[in-house]
Amino acid sequence: LQDTVLIALDGTWYYSSQKIHCPNCSCLEHKSGDKTYYHSAVTPVIVAPGQEHAIPLRPEFITPQDGHTKQDCEVAAAKRWLEKNATQYAPLKATLLGDDIYAHQPLCRRTLLYGFHFIFVCKPDSHTTLYNWVNLLQRPELGTLKMRVKVGAHFHTYAYRYANGIPLAEGQDALKVNWCELTVADHKNQVIYRNGFVTDFKITDQNVAAIAAAGRARWKIENENNNTLKTKGYHLEHNFGHGKEHLSSLLAAMNILAFLYHTFLSFTDEHYRLIRATLPTRKTFFDDLRALTRYMLFPNWDALMDFMMRGLEIGPYAPSG
């Protein structure tokens, strides 16, 4: 898609306990009667199809709100994020991406109200009205498109269906959205992916592939962002501490800020990129960084990077010949 910034939204836990809790905790009650207390947040990130990096933005913490008796939830937190950040991102013609729970009529209306576009996953089980309409459509109201895409040594078939002006929910005042579906089959004609999306962009043969690709880019929030924060050395889900009030939220914010800083370095610091490409994993880089700074004092970041390049014999210290 041209002239838009893709911002993917998703919720993630960053603290949980069956004993320790506070008034700001959410609570999950199990069938056994046990309770899990947890803290979570909506973690927006800027993503793009074909780009390996995801840029984290300011999170919105899921926590009880003044004047509300119901437990806070991901959708409510997303609405607050919209309200707080619309003036900053709406002028960029930003497009919000999200999973099926975001394809919710009040949230879609609010997204448009604040000047954003949206592309949200839309599943048949939770959007029966929309899919009942789709099932009644035929050409030309129901557009179709097929293309072959080379993946490795084989070709995959990408089959698209789309329709414009479909009601998202029941009722005469239902929001009209545009819908598309992508089905991917491998070289053996086995379906390996299928998903539907709703958007406010008008869909045509010329842009349906780009819209579906943008919708699929939301998976980067789980892979490049949340999965990295959880499993690649940041340990977002590790219970670093709960504290009496906001300690766990502060630690989560610092964790996300560290990831943002490292992402920024990937774009701007050639020496950092070289060292990261040489070391096998992000965790190895963190371990080396921790060991060096525990026992040695470096006057600045460049001096630390220079020391590491010298030890690894890379960059200006690579053996000649």
Protein backbone atom coordinates (compact mmCIF):
# COMPACT_ATOMS: atom_id res chain seq x y z
CA LEU A 1 0.00 0.00 0.00
CA GLN A 2 1.25 3.45 -0.90
CA ASP A 3 1.42 6.48 1.39
CA THR A 4 0.48 4.74 4.62
CA VAL A 5 2.27 3.56 7.75
CA LEU A 6 1.22 0.14 9.06
CA ILE A 7 0.78 -0.05 12.85
CA ALA A 8 -0.01 -3.49 14.25
CA LEU A 9 -1.79 -3.81 17.60
CA ASP A 10 -1.71 -6.82 19.87
CA GLY A 11 -1.98 -7.60 23.57
CA THR A 12 0.65 -9.45 25.58
CA TRP A 13 1.21 -10.45 29.21
CA TYR A 14 4.32 -9.25 31.03
CA TYR A 15 3.66 -10.46 34.60
CA SER A 16 1.61 -13.28 36.13
CA SER A 17 1.23 -14.94 39.52
CA GLN A 18 -1.29 -17.07 41.36
CA LYS A 19 -0.47 -15.39 44.67
CA ILE A 20 0.97 -11.91 44.27
CA HIS A 21 -1.46 -9.29 43.03
CA CYS A 22 -2.50 -5.65 43.34
CA PRO A 23 -5.51 -3.46 42.48
CA ASN A 24 -4.04 -2.88 39.00
CA CYS A 25 -3.88 -6.60 38.18
CA SER A 26 -6.27 -8.34 35.82
CA CYS A 27 -7.64 -11.68 37.00
CA LEU A 28 -8.26 -14.91 35.10
CA GLU A 29 -10.49 -17.40 36.90
CA HIS A 30 -9.95 -21.07 35.99
CA LYS A 31 -12.55 -23.84 36.04
CA SER A 32 -10.68 -25.39 38.96
CA GLY A 33 -11.39 -22.30 41.02
CA ASP A 34 -7.78 -21.11 40.92
CA LYS A 35 -7.02 -17.55 39.88
CA THR A 36 -4.18 -16.14 37.84
CA TYR A 37 -3.35 -12.49 38.40
CA TYR A 38 -1.55 -10.77 35.57
CA HIS A 39 -0.47 -7.52 33.97
CA SER A 40 -0.74 -7.01 30.22
CA ALA A 41 -0.50 -4.28 27.61
CA VAL A 42 -1.34 -3.45 24.02
CA THR A 43 2.03 -3.15 22.28
CA PRO A 44 1.76 -1.26 18.97
CA VAL A 45 4.58 -1.64 16.43
CA ILE A 46 5.29 -0.24 12.98
CA VAL A 47 5.60 -3.08 10.46
CA ALA A 48 5.88 -3.52 6.71
CA PRO A 49 5.60 -6.54 4.38
CA GLY A 50 9.03 -7.87 3.47
CA GLN A 51 10.81 -5.91 6.21
CA GLU A 52 12.55 -7.86 8.98
CA HIS A 53 12.37 -5.10 11.58
CA ALA A 54 9.40 -4.04 13.69
CA ILE A 55 9.56 -0.66 15.45
CA PRO A 56 7.85 -0.65 18.87
CA LEU A 57 5.75 2.35 19.87
CA ARG A 58 4.42 3.54 23.20
CA PRO A 59 2.40 0.73 24.85
CA GLU A 60 -1.01 1.12 26.43
CA PHE A 61 -1.26 -0.79 29.69
CA ILE A 62 -4.37 -2.85 30.39
CA THR A 63 -5.33 -1.82 33.88
CA PRO A 64 -8.54 -0.92 35.80
CA GLN A 65 -9.85 2.52 34.84
CA ASP A 66 -11.38 5.07 37.19
CA GLY A 67 -15.17 5.02 37.06
CA HIS A 68 -15.36 1.60 35.39
CA THR A 69 -16.57 -1.50 37.20
CA LYS A 70 -15.73 -3.98 34.44
CA GLN A 71 -12.25 -5.46 34.13
CA ASP A 72 -10.14 -3.63 31.55
CA CYS A 73 -9.53 -5.44 28.27
CA GLU A 74 -7.42 -5.32 25.11
CA VAL A 75 -10.05 -3.57 22.97
CA ALA A 76 -10.64 -0.87 25.59
CA ALA A 77 -6.89 -0.30 25.86
CA ALA A 78 -6.66 -0.03 22.07
CA LYS A 79 -9.36 2.67 22.13
CA ARG A 80 -7.35 4.63 24.71
CA TRP A 81 -4.21 4.29 22.59
CA LEU A 82 -6.13 5.73 19.63
CA GLU A 83 -7.31 8.70 21.66
CA LYS A 84 -3.86 9.45 23.07
CA ASN A 85 -1.89 9.03 19.84
CA ALA A 86 -4.24 10.12 17.04
CA THR A 87 -2.70 13.57 16.66
CA GLN A 88 0.75 12.03 16.19
CA TYR A 89 0.02 9.15 13.80
CA ALA A 90 -3.21 9.97 11.95
CA PRO A 91 -1.47 12.68 9.83
CA LEU A 92 0.79 9.89 8.53
CA LYS A 93 -2.33 8.22 7.10
CA ALA A 94 -1.57 5.31 9.40
CA THR A 95 -3.34 1.99 8.93
CA LEU A 96 -4.05 -0.11 12.01
CA LEU A 97 -3.64 -3.89 11.82
CA GLY A 98 -5.08 -6.34 14.32
CA ASP A 99 -6.49 -9.79 14.85
CA ASP A 100 -10.15 -10.77 14.87
CA ILE A 101 -11.07 -9.09 18.17
CA TYR A 102 -10.27 -5.71 16.62
CA ALA A 103 -12.81 -6.23 13.80
CA HIS A 104 -15.41 -4.91 16.24
CA GLN A 105 -17.87 -2.32 14.99
CA PRO A 106 -17.40 0.29 17.76
CA LEU A 107 -13.61 0.05 17.49
CA CYS A 108 -13.71 0.28 13.68
CA ARG A 109 -15.90 3.38 13.90
CA ARG A 110 -13.55 4.96 16.41
CA THR A 111 -10.55 4.12 14.23
CA LEU A 112 -12.12 6.04 11.35
CA LEU A 113 -13.22 8.87 13.65
CA TYR A 114 -9.62 9.50 14.68
CA GLY A 115 -8.42 9.57 11.08
CA PHE A 116 -6.86 6.11 10.80
CA HIS A 117 -7.41 3.38 8.22
CA PHE A 118 -7.74 -0.25 9.31
CA ILE A 119 -7.11 -3.79 8.07
CA PHE A 120 -8.31 -6.33 10.64
CA VAL A 121 -8.53 -10.10 10.53
CA CYS A 122 -12.15 -11.22 10.14
CA LYS A 123 -13.05 -14.84 10.95
CA PRO A 124 -16.28 -16.56 9.86
CA ASP A 125 -17.14 -17.88 13.33
CA SER A 126 -17.21 -14.43 14.91
CA HIS A 127 -18.64 -12.49 11.94
CA THR A 128 -21.54 -14.62 10.74
CA THR A 129 -23.55 -11.68 9.37
CA LEU A 130 -20.72 -10.53 7.13
CA TYR A 131 -19.98 -14.01 5.81
CA ASN A 132 -23.67 -14.69 5.19
CA TRP A 133 -23.64 -11.66 2.89
CA VAL A 134 -20.44 -12.81 1.20
CA ASN A 135 -21.87 -16.28 0.56
CA LEU A 136 -24.80 -14.74 -1.33
CA LEU A 137 -22.61 -12.71 -3.66
CA GLN A 138 -21.64 -13.60 -7.20
CA ARG A 139 -19.63 -11.82 -9.86
CA PRO A 140 -19.31 -8.93 -10.45
CA GLU A 141 -20.09 -8.07 -6.80
CA LEU A 142 -17.65 -10.78 -5.68
CA GLY A 143 -14.24 -10.19 -7.22
CA THR A 144 -11.71 -12.98 -7.71
CA LEU A 145 -8.05 -13.02 -8.62
CA LYS A 146 -5.37 -15.71 -8.87
CA MET A 147 -1.62 -15.45 -9.20
CA ARG A 148 1.38 -17.73 -8.95
CA VAL A 149 4.21 -16.73 -6.63
CA LYS A 150 7.61 -18.39 -6.61
CA VAL A 151 8.63 -19.53 -3.13
CA GLY A 152 12.02 -21.21 -3.11
CA ALA A 153 12.13 -23.83 -5.84
CA HIS A 154 8.34 -24.08 -6.21
CA PHE A 155 5.35 -21.93 -7.12
CA HIS A 156 2.48 -21.24 -4.72
CA THR A 157 -1.00 -20.24 -5.88
CA TYR A 158 -2.48 -17.14 -4.26
CA ALA A 159 -6.27 -17.00 -4.68
CA TYR A 160 -8.10 -13.82 -3.65
CA ARG A 161 -11.79 -13.09 -3.19
CA TYR A 162 -13.09 -9.64 -2.32
CA ALA A 163 -16.24 -7.54 -2.01
CA ASN A 164 -16.97 -3.92 -1.11
CA GLY A 165 -19.74 -2.41 1.00
CA ILE A 166 -20.52 -5.41 3.24
CA PRO A 167 -22.18 -4.83 6.66
CA LEU A 168 -19.85 -5.73 9.50
CA ALA A 169 -22.72 -6.55 11.87
CA GLU A 170 -26.50 -6.80 11.98
CA GLY A 171 -28.73 -3.71 11.94
CA GLN A 172 -29.64 -0.90 9.58
CA ASP A 173 -26.89 1.30 11.03
CA ALA A 174 -24.21 -1.36 10.54
CA LEU A 175 -20.82 -0.12 9.41
CA LYS A 176 -20.14 -1.00 5.77
CA VAL A 177 -16.67 -2.46 5.27
CA ASN A 178 -14.70 -3.98 2.43
CA TRP A 179 -13.69 -7.63 2.72
CA CYS A 180 -11.05 -9.82 1.15
CA GLU A 181 -9.85 -13.37 1.61
CA LEU A 182 -6.53 -14.94 0.71
CA THR A 183 -6.04 -18.69 0.21
CA VAL A 184 -2.51 -19.96 -0.44
CA ALA A 185 -1.91 -23.44 -1.90
CA ASP A 186 1.51 -25.03 -2.28
CA HIS A 187 2.91 -26.81 -5.35
CA LYS A 188 0.95 -29.95 -4.35
CA ASN A 189 -2.27 -27.90 -4.23
CA GLN A 190 -2.45 -28.27 -0.45
CA VAL A 191 -3.92 -25.23 1.32
CA ILE A 192 -1.27 -23.85 3.65
CA TYR A 193 -2.89 -20.52 4.56
CA ARG A 194 -6.35 -18.96 4.55
CA ASN A 195 -7.52 -15.78 6.20
CA GLY A 196 -10.04 -13.00 5.71
CA PHE A 197 -9.67 -9.28 6.37
CA VAL A 198 -11.94 -6.25 6.62
CA THR A 199 -10.79 -2.75 5.74
CA ASP A 200 -12.00 0.73 4.88
CA PHE A 201 -9.84 0.76 1.72
CA LYS A 202 -11.85 0.14 -1.45
CA ILE A 203 -10.60 -3.17 -2.85
CA THR A 204 -9.84 -3.75 -6.53
CA ASP A 205 -7.90 -6.25 -8.62
CA GLN A 206 -5.01 -3.81 -8.48
CA ASN A 207 -4.70 -3.55 -4.67
CA VAL A 208 -6.21 -6.73 -3.19
CA ALA A 209 -2.80 -8.45 -2.99
CA ALA A 210 -1.25 -5.44 -1.25
CA ILE A 211 -4.12 -5.23 1.26
CA ALA A 212 -3.83 -8.93 2.12
CA ALA A 213 -0.04 -8.62 2.42
CA ALA A 214 -0.46 -5.69 4.79
CA GLY A 215 -3.00 -7.65 6.84
CA ARG A 216 -0.60 -10.57 7.10
CA ALA A 217 2.18 -8.21 8.24
CA ARG A 218 0.47 -8.02 11.64
CA TRP A 219 2.13 -11.37 12.40
CA LYS A 220 5.35 -9.39 12.71
CA ILE A 221 4.09 -8.04 16.03
CA GLU A 222 4.18 -11.61 17.36
CA ASN A 223 7.36 -12.72 15.61
CA GLU A 224 9.65 -9.68 15.36
CA ASN A 225 8.27 -7.84 18.39
CA ASN A 226 6.48 -9.83 21.09
CA ASN A 227 8.24 -13.12 20.33
CA THR A 228 11.61 -11.36 20.35
CA LEU A 229 10.78 -9.63 23.63
CA LYS A 230 9.77 -12.95 25.17
CA THR A 231 12.34 -15.42 23.84
CA LYS A 232 15.35 -13.61 22.34
CA GLY A 233 17.04 -12.21 25.43
CA TYR A 234 14.63 -9.56 26.72
CA HIS A 235 12.53 -12.03 28.77
CA LEU A 236 9.41 -9.83 28.73
CA GLU A 237 7.29 -12.55 30.36
CA HIS A 238 9.84 -13.16 33.14
CA ASN A 239 8.52 -11.95 36.50
CA PHE A 240 11.29 -9.44 37.24
CA GLY A 241 9.22 -8.03 40.08
CA HIS A 242 5.73 -6.86 40.97
CA GLY A 243 6.30 -4.15 43.54
CA LYS A 244 3.53 -2.38 45.41
CA GLU A 245 2.19 -0.19 42.61
CA HIS A 246 3.72 0.17 39.14
CA LEU A 247 7.07 -1.66 39.21
CA SER A 248 6.12 -4.42 36.76
CA SER A 249 4.73 -1.88 34.27
CA LEU A 250 7.87 0.25 34.59
CA LEU A 251 10.11 -2.77 33.92
CA ALA A 252 8.00 -3.74 30.89
CA ALA A 253 8.25 -0.19 29.52
CA MET A 254 12.04 -0.20 29.99
CA ASN A 255 12.22 -3.57 28.22
CA ILE A 256 10.28 -2.24 25.22
CA LEU A 257 12.41 0.93 25.23
CA ALA A 258 15.59 -1.19 25.11
CA PHE A 259 14.22 -3.09 22.11
CA LEU A 260 13.38 0.21 20.39
CA TYR A 261 16.92 1.47 21.02
CA HIS A 262 18.44 -1.71 19.59
CA THR A 263 16.17 -1.49 16.54
CA PHE A 264 17.26 2.12 16.05
CA LEU A 265 20.90 1.00 16.22
CA SER A 266 20.20 -1.60 13.52
CA PHE A 267 19.25 1.26 11.19
CA THR A 268 21.96 3.74 12.13
CA ASP A 269 25.07 2.05 13.59
CA GLU A 270 27.20 0.15 11.08
CA HIS A 271 29.49 -1.29 13.77
CA TYR A 272 26.53 -2.57 15.79
CA ARG A 273 25.08 -4.25 12.70
CA LEU A 274 28.43 -5.90 11.97
CA ILE A 275 28.81 -7.25 15.51
CA ARG A 276 25.23 -8.51 15.62
CA ALA A 277 25.72 -10.25 12.26
CA THR A 278 28.88 -11.93 13.58
CA LEU A 279 27.52 -13.17 16.90
CA PRO A 280 25.14 -16.15 16.56
CA THR A 281 22.18 -14.81 18.57
CA ARG A 282 20.85 -11.68 20.23
CA LYS A 283 21.27 -13.45 23.59
CA THR A 284 24.98 -13.99 22.88
CA PHE A 285 25.35 -10.27 22.22
CA PHE A 286 23.62 -9.46 25.52
CA ASP A 287 25.79 -11.96 27.43
CA ASP A 288 28.98 -10.49 25.95
CA LEU A 289 27.79 -6.96 26.69
CA ARG A 290 26.98 -7.89 30.28
CA ALA A 291 30.36 -9.54 30.86
CA LEU A 292 32.36 -6.68 29.36
CA THR A 293 30.57 -3.87 31.20
CA ARG A 294 30.71 -5.74 34.51
CA TYR A 295 34.50 -5.66 34.60
CA MET A 296 35.50 -2.82 32.29
CA LEU A 297 34.64 0.85 31.95
CA PHE A 298 34.25 2.26 28.45
CA PRO A 299 34.19 6.02 27.88
CA ASN A 300 31.37 5.77 25.33
CA TRP A 301 29.35 3.43 23.10
CA ASP A 302 31.75 3.73 20.17
CA ALA A 303 34.65 2.60 22.36
CA LEU A 304 32.68 -0.48 23.41
CA MET A 305 31.83 -1.35 19.80
CA ASP A 306 35.48 -0.84 18.80
CA PHE A 307 36.65 -3.17 21.57
CA MET A 308 34.20 -5.88 20.49
CA MET A 309 35.20 -5.60 16.83
CA ARG A 310 38.86 -5.89 17.82
CA GLY A 311 38.17 -9.02 19.86
CA LEU A 312 36.08 -10.58 17.09
CA GLU A 313 38.59 -9.54 14.42
CA ILE A 314 35.97 -7.96 12.20
CA GLY A 315 35.50 -4.61 10.48
CA PRO A 316 38.73 -2.58 10.59
CA TYR A 317 40.39 -5.43 12.52
CA ALA A 318 39.60 -8.21 10.06
CA PRO A 319 42.74 -10.12 9.02
CA SER A 320 44.02 -8.92 5.66
CA GLY A 321 44.35 -11.37 2.77
